[in-house]
Amino acid sequence: MANTFGTIALTYSAIGVALSFVQEDNDDINTMTSAGALYGGLSKPNKTASQSLWKLRAKRAGIGSLIGILAASGYILLFNRDKYLANNRY
C-alpha cells in the first residue's frame, strides 16, 4: 500500500514540476491541472477493444479528471482562504 501511495505522490509531483516549467506564475492552476491529469489517468484499452469500451474509458477518464480538479479546488480554497475569500471573513 505504501508503494501505491508513493507512486501516486511521485507522479503528482512530477506533473506539478513539469507544469511549473511551463507556467511559473500560478501554482494553483498547476495544482488543479496535476490533480486532473492524475485522476483522469492515461489508461487506454487494448487494440482489440470495441468502440463502446473506448467510449466508456473516455467517459471514466473525464469523470476522474473532473473529480481531481474539484478536489484540488477544494484543497486550494481550504488552504488559501485569505487569497480567494478575503471579503468573506467569518
PDB file of N, CA and C in Angstrom:
ATOM      1  N   MET A   1       0.817  -1.181   0.000  1.00  0.00           N
ATOM      2  CA  MET A   1       0.000   0.000   0.000  1.00  0.00           C
ATOM      3  C   MET A   1       0.876   1.265   0.000  1.00  0.00           C
ATOM      4  N   ALA A   2       1.991   1.199   0.702  1.00  0.00           N
ATOM      5  CA  ALA A   2       2.905   2.344   0.729  1.00  0.00           C
ATOM      6  C   ALA A   2       3.499   2.595  -0.649  1.00  0.00           C
ATOM      7  N   ASN A   3       3.783   1.537  -1.389  1.00  0.00           N
ATOM      8  CA  ASN A   3       4.309   1.709  -2.751  1.00  0.00           C
ATOM      9  C   ASN A   3       3.290   2.403  -3.644  1.00  0.00           C
ATOM     10  N   THR A   4       2.029   2.050  -3.494  1.00  0.00           N
ATOM     11  CA  THR A   4       0.984   2.668  -4.304  1.00  0.00           C
ATOM     12  C   THR A   4       0.885   4.160  -4.014  1.00  0.00           C
ATOM     13  N   PHE A   5       0.819   4.517  -2.726  1.00  0.00           N
ATOM     14  CA  PHE A   5       0.719   5.930  -2.384  1.00  0.00           C
ATOM     15  C   PHE A   5       1.990   6.690  -2.751  1.00  0.00           C
ATOM     16  N   GLY A   6       3.136   6.052  -2.634  1.00  0.00           N
ATOM     17  CA  GLY A   6       4.385   6.689  -3.036  1.00  0.00           C
ATOM     18  C   GLY A   6       4.427   6.954  -4.526  1.00  0.00           C
ATOM     19  N   THR A   7       3.931   6.008  -5.305  1.00  0.00           N
ATOM     20  CA  THR A   7       3.888   6.174  -6.755  1.00  0.00           C
ATOM     21  C   THR A   7       2.936   7.299  -7.141  1.00  0.00           C
ATOM     22  N   ILE A   8       1.791   7.352  -6.478  1.00  0.00           N
ATOM     23  CA  ILE A   8       0.828   8.424  -6.753  1.00  0.00           C
ATOM     24  C   ILE A   8       1.436   9.783  -6.408  1.00  0.00           C
ATOM     25  N   ALA A   9       2.076   9.879  -5.258  1.00  0.00           N
ATOM     26  CA  ALA A   9       2.689  11.145  -4.839  1.00  0.00           C
ATOM     27  C   ALA A   9       3.811  11.552  -5.789  1.00  0.00           C
ATOM     28  N   LEU A  10       4.617  10.599  -6.218  1.00  0.00           N
ATOM     29  CA  LEU A  10       5.706  10.900  -7.141  1.00  0.00           C
ATOM     30  C   LEU A  10       5.168  11.366  -8.490  1.00  0.00           C
ATOM     31  N   THR A  11       4.142  10.708  -8.984  1.00  0.00           N
ATOM     32  CA  THR A  11       3.555  11.092 -10.262  1.00  0.00           C
ATOM     33  C   THR A  11       2.931  12.479 -10.190  1.00  0.00           C
ATOM     34  N   TYR A  12       2.198  12.734  -9.099  1.00  0.00           N
ATOM     35  CA  TYR A  12       1.581  14.052  -8.908  1.00  0.00           C
ATOM     36  C   TYR A  12       2.656  15.137  -8.852  1.00  0.00           C
ATOM     37  N   SER A  13       3.734  14.884  -8.123  1.00  0.00           N
ATOM     38  CA  SER A  13       4.811  15.866  -8.012  1.00  0.00           C
ATOM     39  C   SER A  13       5.517  16.074  -9.344  1.00  0.00           C
ATOM     40  N   ALA A  14       5.728  15.004 -10.076  1.00  0.00           N
ATOM     41  CA  ALA A  14       6.395  15.122 -11.383  1.00  0.00           C
ATOM     42  C   ALA A  14       5.558  15.950 -12.349  1.00  0.00           C
ATOM     43  N   ILE A  15       4.249  15.734 -12.348  1.00  0.00           N
ATOM     44  CA  ILE A  15       3.381  16.530 -13.216  1.00  0.00           C
ATOM     45  C   ILE A  15       3.417  17.992 -12.789  1.00  0.00           C
ATOM     46  N   GLY A  16       3.379  18.243 -11.474  1.00  0.00           N
ATOM     47  CA  GLY A  16       3.424  19.609 -10.961  1.00  0.00           C
ATOM     48  C   GLY A  16       4.718  20.318 -11.300  1.00  0.00           C
ATOM     49  N   VAL A  17       5.839  19.619 -11.194  1.00  0.00           N
ATOM     50  CA  VAL A  17       7.137  20.221 -11.525  1.00  0.00           C
ATOM     51  C   VAL A  17       7.220  20.505 -13.019  1.00  0.00           C
ATOM     52  N   ALA A  18       6.742  19.580 -13.836  1.00  0.00           N
ATOM     53  CA  ALA A  18       6.765  19.802 -15.285  1.00  0.00           C
ATOM     54  C   ALA A  18       5.911  21.012 -15.658  1.00  0.00           C
ATOM     55  N   LEU A  19       4.767  21.154 -15.004  1.00  0.00           N
ATOM     56  CA  LEU A  19       3.911  22.306 -15.288  1.00  0.00           C
ATOM     57  C   LEU A  19       4.519  23.611 -14.790  1.00  0.00           C
ATOM     58  N   SER A  20       5.325  23.546 -13.736  1.00  0.00           N
ATOM     59  CA  SER A  20       5.936  24.777 -13.226  1.00  0.00           C
ATOM     60  C   SER A  20       6.963  25.341 -14.205  1.00  0.00           C
ATOM     61  N   PHE A  21       7.520  24.492 -15.060  1.00  0.00           N
ATOM     62  CA  PHE A  21       8.422  24.990 -16.091  1.00  0.00           C
ATOM     63  C   PHE A  21       7.650  25.701 -17.193  1.00  0.00           C
ATOM     64  N   VAL A  22       6.423  25.285 -17.429  1.00  0.00           N
ATOM     65  CA  VAL A  22       5.598  25.893 -18.467  1.00  0.00           C
ATOM     66  C   VAL A  22       4.975  27.187 -17.962  1.00  0.00           C
ATOM     67  N   GLN A  23       4.416  27.137 -16.763  1.00  0.00           N
ATOM     68  CA  GLN A  23       3.739  28.301 -16.195  1.00  0.00           C
ATOM     69  C   GLN A  23       4.210  28.480 -14.753  1.00  0.00           C
ATOM     70  N   GLU A  24       5.081  29.420 -14.532  1.00  0.00           N
ATOM     71  CA  GLU A  24       5.675  29.617 -13.215  1.00  0.00           C
ATOM     72  C   GLU A  24       4.832  30.488 -12.297  1.00  0.00           C
ATOM     73  N   ASP A  25       3.965  31.306 -12.852  1.00  0.00           N
ATOM     74  CA  ASP A  25       3.281  32.336 -12.073  1.00  0.00           C
ATOM     75  C   ASP A  25       2.184  31.804 -11.158  1.00  0.00           C
ATOM     76  N   ASN A  26       1.423  30.817 -11.587  1.00  0.00           N
ATOM     77  CA  ASN A  26       0.239  30.424 -10.843  1.00  0.00           C
ATOM     78  C   ASN A  26       0.331  28.965 -10.406  1.00  0.00           C
ATOM     79  N   ASP A  27       0.697  28.750  -9.156  1.00  0.00           N
ATOM     80  CA  ASP A  27       0.796  27.392  -8.631  1.00  0.00           C
ATOM     81  C   ASP A  27      -0.570  26.746  -8.455  1.00  0.00           C
ATOM     82  N   ASP A  28      -1.598  27.539  -8.262  1.00  0.00           N
ATOM     83  CA  ASP A  28      -2.932  26.979  -8.064  1.00  0.00           C
ATOM     84  C   ASP A  28      -3.443  26.295  -9.333  1.00  0.00           C
ATOM     85  N   ILE A  29      -3.214  26.892 -10.467  1.00  0.00           N
ATOM     86  CA  ILE A  29      -3.619  26.275 -11.732  1.00  0.00           C
ATOM     87  C   ILE A  29      -2.797  25.010 -11.971  1.00  0.00           C
ATOM     88  N   ASN A  30      -1.513  25.048 -11.637  1.00  0.00           N
ATOM     89  CA  ASN A  30      -0.677  23.861 -11.778  1.00  0.00           C
ATOM     90  C   ASN A  30      -1.179  22.732 -10.878  1.00  0.00           C
ATOM     91  N   THR A  31      -1.611  23.056  -9.670  1.00  0.00           N
ATOM     92  CA  THR A  31      -2.147  22.053  -8.754  1.00  0.00           C
ATOM     93  C   THR A  31      -3.412  21.428  -9.316  1.00  0.00           C
ATOM     94  N   MET A  32      -4.312  22.241  -9.836  1.00  0.00           N
ATOM     95  CA  MET A  32      -5.554  21.714 -10.396  1.00  0.00           C
ATOM     96  C   MET A  32      -5.295  20.871 -11.637  1.00  0.00           C
ATOM     97  N   THR A  33      -4.380  21.300 -12.478  1.00  0.00           N
ATOM     98  CA  THR A  33      -4.062  20.540 -13.679  1.00  0.00           C
ATOM     99  C   THR A  33      -3.403  19.213 -13.336  1.00  0.00           C
ATOM    100  N   SER A  34      -2.504  19.220 -12.372  1.00  0.00           N
ATOM    101  CA  SER A  34      -1.838  17.982 -11.948  1.00  0.00           C
ATOM    102  C   SER A  34      -2.840  16.984 -11.406  1.00  0.00           C
ATOM    103  N   ALA A  35      -3.755  17.462 -10.564  1.00  0.00           N
ATOM    104  CA  ALA A  35      -4.759  16.574  -9.994  1.00  0.00           C
ATOM    105  C   ALA A  35      -5.690  16.038 -11.072  1.00  0.00           C
ATOM    106  N   GLY A  36      -6.087  16.878 -12.011  1.00  0.00           N
ATOM    107  CA  GLY A  36      -6.955  16.429 -13.097  1.00  0.00           C
ATOM    108  C   GLY A  36      -6.286  15.388 -13.967  1.00  0.00           C
ATOM    109  N   ALA A  37      -5.016  15.594 -14.263  1.00  0.00           N
ATOM    110  CA  ALA A  37      -4.288  14.626 -15.084  1.00  0.00           C
ATOM    111  C   ALA A  37      -4.073  13.320 -14.334  1.00  0.00           C
ATOM    112  N   LEU A  38      -3.799  13.412 -13.044  1.00  0.00           N
ATOM    113  CA  LEU A  38      -3.555  12.217 -12.254  1.00  0.00           C
ATOM    114  C   LEU A  38      -4.822  11.399 -12.091  1.00  0.00           C
ATOM    115  N   TYR A  39      -5.920  12.032 -11.737  1.00  0.00           N
ATOM    116  CA  TYR A  39      -7.163  11.308 -11.549  1.00  0.00           C
ATOM    117  C   TYR A  39      -7.743  10.823 -12.862  1.00  0.00           C
ATOM    118  N   GLY A  40      -7.524  11.571 -13.923  1.00  0.00           N
ATOM    119  CA  GLY A  40      -8.039  11.169 -15.223  1.00  0.00           C
ATOM    120  C   GLY A  40      -7.342   9.938 -15.752  1.00  0.00           C
ATOM    121  N   GLY A  41      -6.075   9.838 -15.440  1.00  0.00           N
ATOM    122  CA  GLY A  41      -5.312   8.674 -15.859  1.00  0.00           C
ATOM    123  C   GLY A  41      -5.014   8.678 -17.343  1.00  0.00           C
ATOM    124  N   LEU A  42      -4.113   7.831 -17.699  1.00  0.00           N
ATOM    125  CA  LEU A  42      -3.718   7.720 -19.097  1.00  0.00           C
ATOM    126  C   LEU A  42      -3.932   6.316 -19.636  1.00  0.00           C
ATOM    127  N   SER A  43      -4.881   5.590 -19.034  1.00  0.00           N
ATOM    128  CA  SER A  43      -5.109   4.216 -19.472  1.00  0.00           C
ATOM    129  C   SER A  43      -5.854   4.198 -20.798  1.00  0.00           C
ATOM    130  N   LYS A  44      -5.582   3.198 -21.555  1.00  0.00           N
ATOM    131  CA  LYS A  44      -6.282   3.022 -22.820  1.00  0.00           C
ATOM    132  C   LYS A  44      -6.545   1.532 -23.013  1.00  0.00           C
ATOM    133  N   PRO A  45      -7.627   1.207 -23.669  1.00  0.00           N
ATOM    134  CA  PRO A  45      -7.917  -0.203 -23.902  1.00  0.00           C
ATOM    135  C   PRO A  45      -6.980  -0.804 -24.939  1.00  0.00           C
ATOM    136  N   ASN A  46      -6.907  -2.108 -24.963  1.00  0.00           N
ATOM    137  CA  ASN A  46      -6.038  -2.753 -25.940  1.00  0.00           C
ATOM    138  C   ASN A  46      -6.575  -2.558 -27.352  1.00  0.00           C
ATOM    139  N   LYS A  47      -5.792  -2.942 -28.333  1.00  0.00           N
ATOM    140  CA  LYS A  47      -6.136  -2.663 -29.725  1.00  0.00           C
ATOM    141  C   LYS A  47      -7.371  -3.422 -30.199  1.00  0.00           C
ATOM    142  N   THR A  48      -7.706  -4.511 -29.535  1.00  0.00           N
ATOM    143  CA  THR A  48      -8.861  -5.291 -29.971  1.00  0.00           C
ATOM    144  C   THR A  48     -10.144  -4.878 -29.249  1.00  0.00           C
ATOM    145  N   ALA A  49     -10.082  -3.846 -28.448  1.00  0.00           N
ATOM    146  CA  ALA A  49     -11.264  -3.416 -27.697  1.00  0.00           C
ATOM    147  C   ALA A  49     -12.304  -2.817 -28.632  1.00  0.00           C
ATOM    148  N   SER A  50     -13.539  -2.972 -28.244  1.00  0.00           N
ATOM    149  CA  SER A  50     -14.623  -2.459 -29.067  1.00  0.00           C
ATOM    150  C   SER A  50     -14.758  -0.943 -28.894  1.00  0.00           C
ATOM    151  N   GLN A  51     -15.536  -0.356 -29.779  1.00  0.00           N
ATOM    152  CA  GLN A  51     -15.759   1.091 -29.748  1.00  0.00           C
ATOM    153  C   GLN A  51     -16.464   1.501 -28.465  1.00  0.00           C
ATOM    154  N   SER A  52     -17.383   0.667 -27.974  1.00  0.00           N
ATOM    155  CA  SER A  52     -18.102   1.022 -26.745  1.00  0.00           C
ATOM    156  C   SER A  52     -17.171   1.031 -25.543  1.00  0.00           C
ATOM    157  N   LEU A  53     -16.152   0.169 -25.539  1.00  0.00           N
ATOM    158  CA  LEU A  53     -15.183   0.167 -24.447  1.00  0.00           C
ATOM    159  C   LEU A  53     -14.337   1.435 -24.471  1.00  0.00           C
ATOM    160  N   TRP A  54     -13.983   1.902 -25.656  1.00  0.00           N
ATOM    161  CA  TRP A  54     -13.251   3.161 -25.778  1.00  0.00           C
ATOM    162  C   TRP A  54     -14.077   4.310 -25.227  1.00  0.00           C
ATOM    163  N   LYS A  55     -15.367   4.349 -25.546  1.00  0.00           N
ATOM    164  CA  LYS A  55     -16.241   5.418 -25.059  1.00  0.00           C
ATOM    165  C   LYS A  55     -16.387   5.360 -23.544  1.00  0.00           C
ATOM    166  N   LEU A  56     -16.505   4.159 -22.996  1.00  0.00           N
ATOM    167  CA  LEU A  56     -16.634   4.001 -21.553  1.00  0.00           C
ATOM    168  C   LEU A  56     -15.373   4.476 -20.835  1.00  0.00           C
ATOM    169  N   ARG A  57     -14.219   4.109 -21.346  1.00  0.00           N
ATOM    170  CA  ARG A  57     -12.970   4.539 -20.709  1.00  0.00           C
ATOM    171  C   ARG A  57     -12.755   6.039 -20.848  1.00  0.00           C
ATOM    172  N   ALA A  58     -13.147   6.610 -21.979  1.00  0.00           N
ATOM    173  CA  ALA A  58     -13.030   8.059 -22.140  1.00  0.00           C
ATOM    174  C   ALA A  58     -13.953   8.783 -21.164  1.00  0.00           C
ATOM    175  N   LYS A  59     -15.151   8.239 -20.971  1.00  0.00           N
ATOM    176  CA  LYS A  59     -16.090   8.826 -20.019  1.00  0.00           C
ATOM    177  C   LYS A  59     -15.534   8.739 -18.600  1.00  0.00           C
ATOM    178  N   ARG A  60     -14.974   7.605 -18.237  1.00  0.00           N
ATOM    179  CA  ARG A  60     -14.381   7.444 -16.905  1.00  0.00           C
ATOM    180  C   ARG A  60     -13.193   8.377 -16.704  1.00  0.00           C
ATOM    181  N   ALA A  61     -12.380   8.554 -17.728  1.00  0.00           N
ATOM    182  CA  ALA A  61     -11.236   9.472 -17.624  1.00  0.00           C
ATOM    183  C   ALA A  61     -11.719  10.905 -17.446  1.00  0.00           C
ATOM    184  N   GLY A  62     -12.770  11.281 -18.143  1.00  0.00           N
ATOM    185  CA  GLY A  62     -13.328  12.621 -17.994  1.00  0.00           C
ATOM    186  C   GLY A  62     -13.901  12.848 -16.608  1.00  0.00           C
ATOM    187  N   ILE A  63     -14.619  11.858 -16.094  1.00  0.00           N
ATOM    188  CA  ILE A  63     -15.176  11.977 -14.748  1.00  0.00           C
ATOM    189  C   ILE A  63     -14.048  12.015 -13.717  1.00  0.00           C
ATOM    190  N   GLY A  64     -13.025  11.195 -13.901  1.00  0.00           N
ATOM    191  CA  GLY A  64     -11.881  11.208 -12.992  1.00  0.00           C
ATOM    192  C   GLY A  64     -11.155  12.538 -13.003  1.00  0.00           C
ATOM    193  N   SER A  65     -11.007  13.116 -14.172  1.00  0.00           N
ATOM    194  CA  SER A  65     -10.366  14.433 -14.267  1.00  0.00           C
ATOM    195  C   SER A  65     -11.188  15.492 -13.558  1.00  0.00           C
ATOM    196  N   LEU A  66     -12.498  15.425 -13.729  1.00  0.00           N
ATOM    197  CA  LEU A  66     -13.378  16.388 -13.062  1.00  0.00           C
ATOM    198  C   LEU A  66     -13.290  16.241 -11.542  1.00  0.00           C
ATOM    199  N   ILE A  67     -13.270  15.012 -11.047  1.00  0.00           N
ATOM    200  CA  ILE A  67     -13.139  14.779  -9.609  1.00  0.00           C
ATOM    201  C   ILE A  67     -11.802  15.315  -9.106  1.00  0.00           C
ATOM    202  N   GLY A  68     -10.733  15.090  -9.846  1.00  0.00           N
ATOM    203  CA  GLY A  68      -9.422  15.594  -9.453  1.00  0.00           C
ATOM    204  C   GLY A  68      -9.375  17.108  -9.404  1.00  0.00           C
ATOM    205  N   ILE A  69      -9.974  17.749 -10.389  1.00  0.00           N
ATOM    206  CA  ILE A  69      -9.979  19.208 -10.427  1.00  0.00           C
ATOM    207  C   ILE A  69     -10.819  19.769  -9.280  1.00  0.00           C
ATOM    208  N   LEU A  70     -11.964  19.144  -9.000  1.00  0.00           N
ATOM    209  CA  LEU A  70     -12.798  19.606  -7.888  1.00  0.00           C
ATOM    210  C   LEU A  70     -12.112  19.400  -6.540  1.00  0.00           C
ATOM    211  N   ALA A  71     -11.430  18.269  -6.377  1.00  0.00           N
ATOM    212  CA  ALA A  71     -10.707  18.015  -5.126  1.00  0.00           C
ATOM    213  C   ALA A  71      -9.570  19.025  -4.947  1.00  0.00           C
ATOM    214  N   ALA A  72      -8.854  19.306  -6.018  1.00  0.00           N
ATOM    215  CA  ALA A  72      -7.769  20.292  -5.941  1.00  0.00           C
ATOM    216  C   ALA A  72      -8.314  21.692  -5.674  1.00  0.00           C
ATOM    217  N   SER A  73      -9.460  22.011  -6.254  1.00  0.00           N
ATOM    218  CA  SER A  73     -10.072  23.320  -5.997  1.00  0.00           C
ATOM    219  C   SER A  73     -10.455  23.458  -4.532  1.00  0.00           C
ATOM    220  N   GLY A  74     -11.015  22.405  -3.969  1.00  0.00           N
ATOM    221  CA  GLY A  74     -11.344  22.431  -2.549  1.00  0.00           C
ATOM    222  C   GLY A  74     -10.120  22.590  -1.677  1.00  0.00           C
ATOM    223  N   TYR A  75      -9.070  21.891  -2.038  1.00  0.00           N
ATOM    224  CA  TYR A  75      -7.803  21.997  -1.307  1.00  0.00           C
ATOM    225  C   TYR A  75      -7.253  23.424  -1.377  1.00  0.00           C
ATOM    226  N   ILE A  76      -7.285  24.001  -2.551  1.00  0.00           N
ATOM    227  CA  ILE A  76      -6.771  25.359  -2.739  1.00  0.00           C
ATOM    228  C   ILE A  76      -7.595  26.364  -1.941  1.00  0.00           C
ATOM    229  N   LEU A  77      -8.915  26.234  -1.996  1.00  0.00           N
ATOM    230  CA  LEU A  77      -9.762  27.156  -1.247  1.00  0.00           C
ATOM    231  C   LEU A  77      -9.620  26.972   0.259  1.00  0.00           C
ATOM    232  N   LEU A  78      -9.383  25.748   0.691  1.00  0.00           N
ATOM    233  CA  LEU A  78      -9.232  25.477   2.116  1.00  0.00           C
ATOM    234  C   LEU A  78      -7.963  26.103   2.679  1.00  0.00           C
ATOM    235  N   PHE A  79      -6.865  25.985   1.948  1.00  0.00           N
ATOM    236  CA  PHE A  79      -5.586  26.458   2.462  1.00  0.00           C
ATOM    237  C   PHE A  79      -5.189  27.854   1.987  1.00  0.00           C
ATOM    238  N   ASN A  80      -5.947  28.447   1.089  1.00  0.00           N
ATOM    239  CA  ASN A  80      -5.668  29.802   0.609  1.00  0.00           C
ATOM    240  C   ASN A  80      -6.881  30.700   0.782  1.00  0.00           C
ATOM    241  N   ARG A  81      -7.546  30.585   1.908  1.00  0.00           N
ATOM    242  CA  ARG A  81      -8.750  31.386   2.146  1.00  0.00           C
ATOM    243  C   ARG A  81      -8.478  32.873   2.049  1.00  0.00           C
ATOM    244  N   ASP A  82      -7.359  33.308   2.578  1.00  0.00           N
ATOM    245  CA  ASP A  82      -7.042  34.745   2.565  1.00  0.00           C
ATOM    246  C   ASP A  82      -6.905  35.285   1.149  1.00  0.00           C
ATOM    247  N   LYS A  83      -6.429  34.459   0.256  1.00  0.00           N
ATOM    248  CA  LYS A  83      -6.203  34.899  -1.119  1.00  0.00           C
ATOM    249  C   LYS A  83      -7.514  34.979  -1.912  1.00  0.00           C
ATOM    250  N   TYR A  84      -8.402  33.999  -1.719  1.00  0.00           N
ATOM    251  CA  TYR A  84      -9.596  33.921  -2.545  1.00  0.00           C
ATOM    252  C   TYR A  84     -10.877  34.370  -1.849  1.00  0.00           C
ATOM    253  N   LEU A  85     -10.904  34.309  -0.541  1.00  0.00           N
ATOM    254  CA  LEU A  85     -12.112  34.677   0.187  1.00  0.00           C
ATOM    255  C   LEU A  85     -11.840  35.842   1.137  1.00  0.00           C
ATOM    256  N   ALA A  86     -11.096  36.824   0.676  1.00  0.00           N
ATOM    257  CA  ALA A  86     -10.678  37.941   1.534  1.00  0.00           C
ATOM    258  C   ALA A  86     -11.874  38.771   2.001  1.00  0.00           C
ATOM    259  N   ASN A  87     -12.893  38.929   1.179  1.00  0.00           N
ATOM    260  CA  ASN A  87     -14.035  39.764   1.549  1.00  0.00           C
ATOM    261  C   ASN A  87     -15.052  39.032   2.404  1.00  0.00           C
ATOM    262  N   ASN A  88     -14.972  37.728   2.489  1.00  0.00           N
ATOM    263  CA  ASN A  88     -15.950  36.937   3.220  1.00  0.00           C
ATOM    264  C   ASN A  88     -15.374  36.393   4.508  1.00  0.00           C
ATOM    265  N   ARG A  89     -14.938  37.234   5.366  1.00  0.00           N
ATOM    266  CA  ARG A  89     -14.389  36.782   6.658  1.00  0.00           C
ATOM    267  C   ARG A  89     -15.529  36.466   7.611  1.00  0.00           C
ATOM    268  N   TYR A  90     -15.358  35.383   8.342  1.00  0.00           N
ATOM    269  CA  TYR A  90     -16.403  34.934   9.278  1.00  0.00           C
ATOM    270  C   TYR A  90     -16.093  35.341  10.670  1.00  0.00           C
TER     271      TYR A  90
END
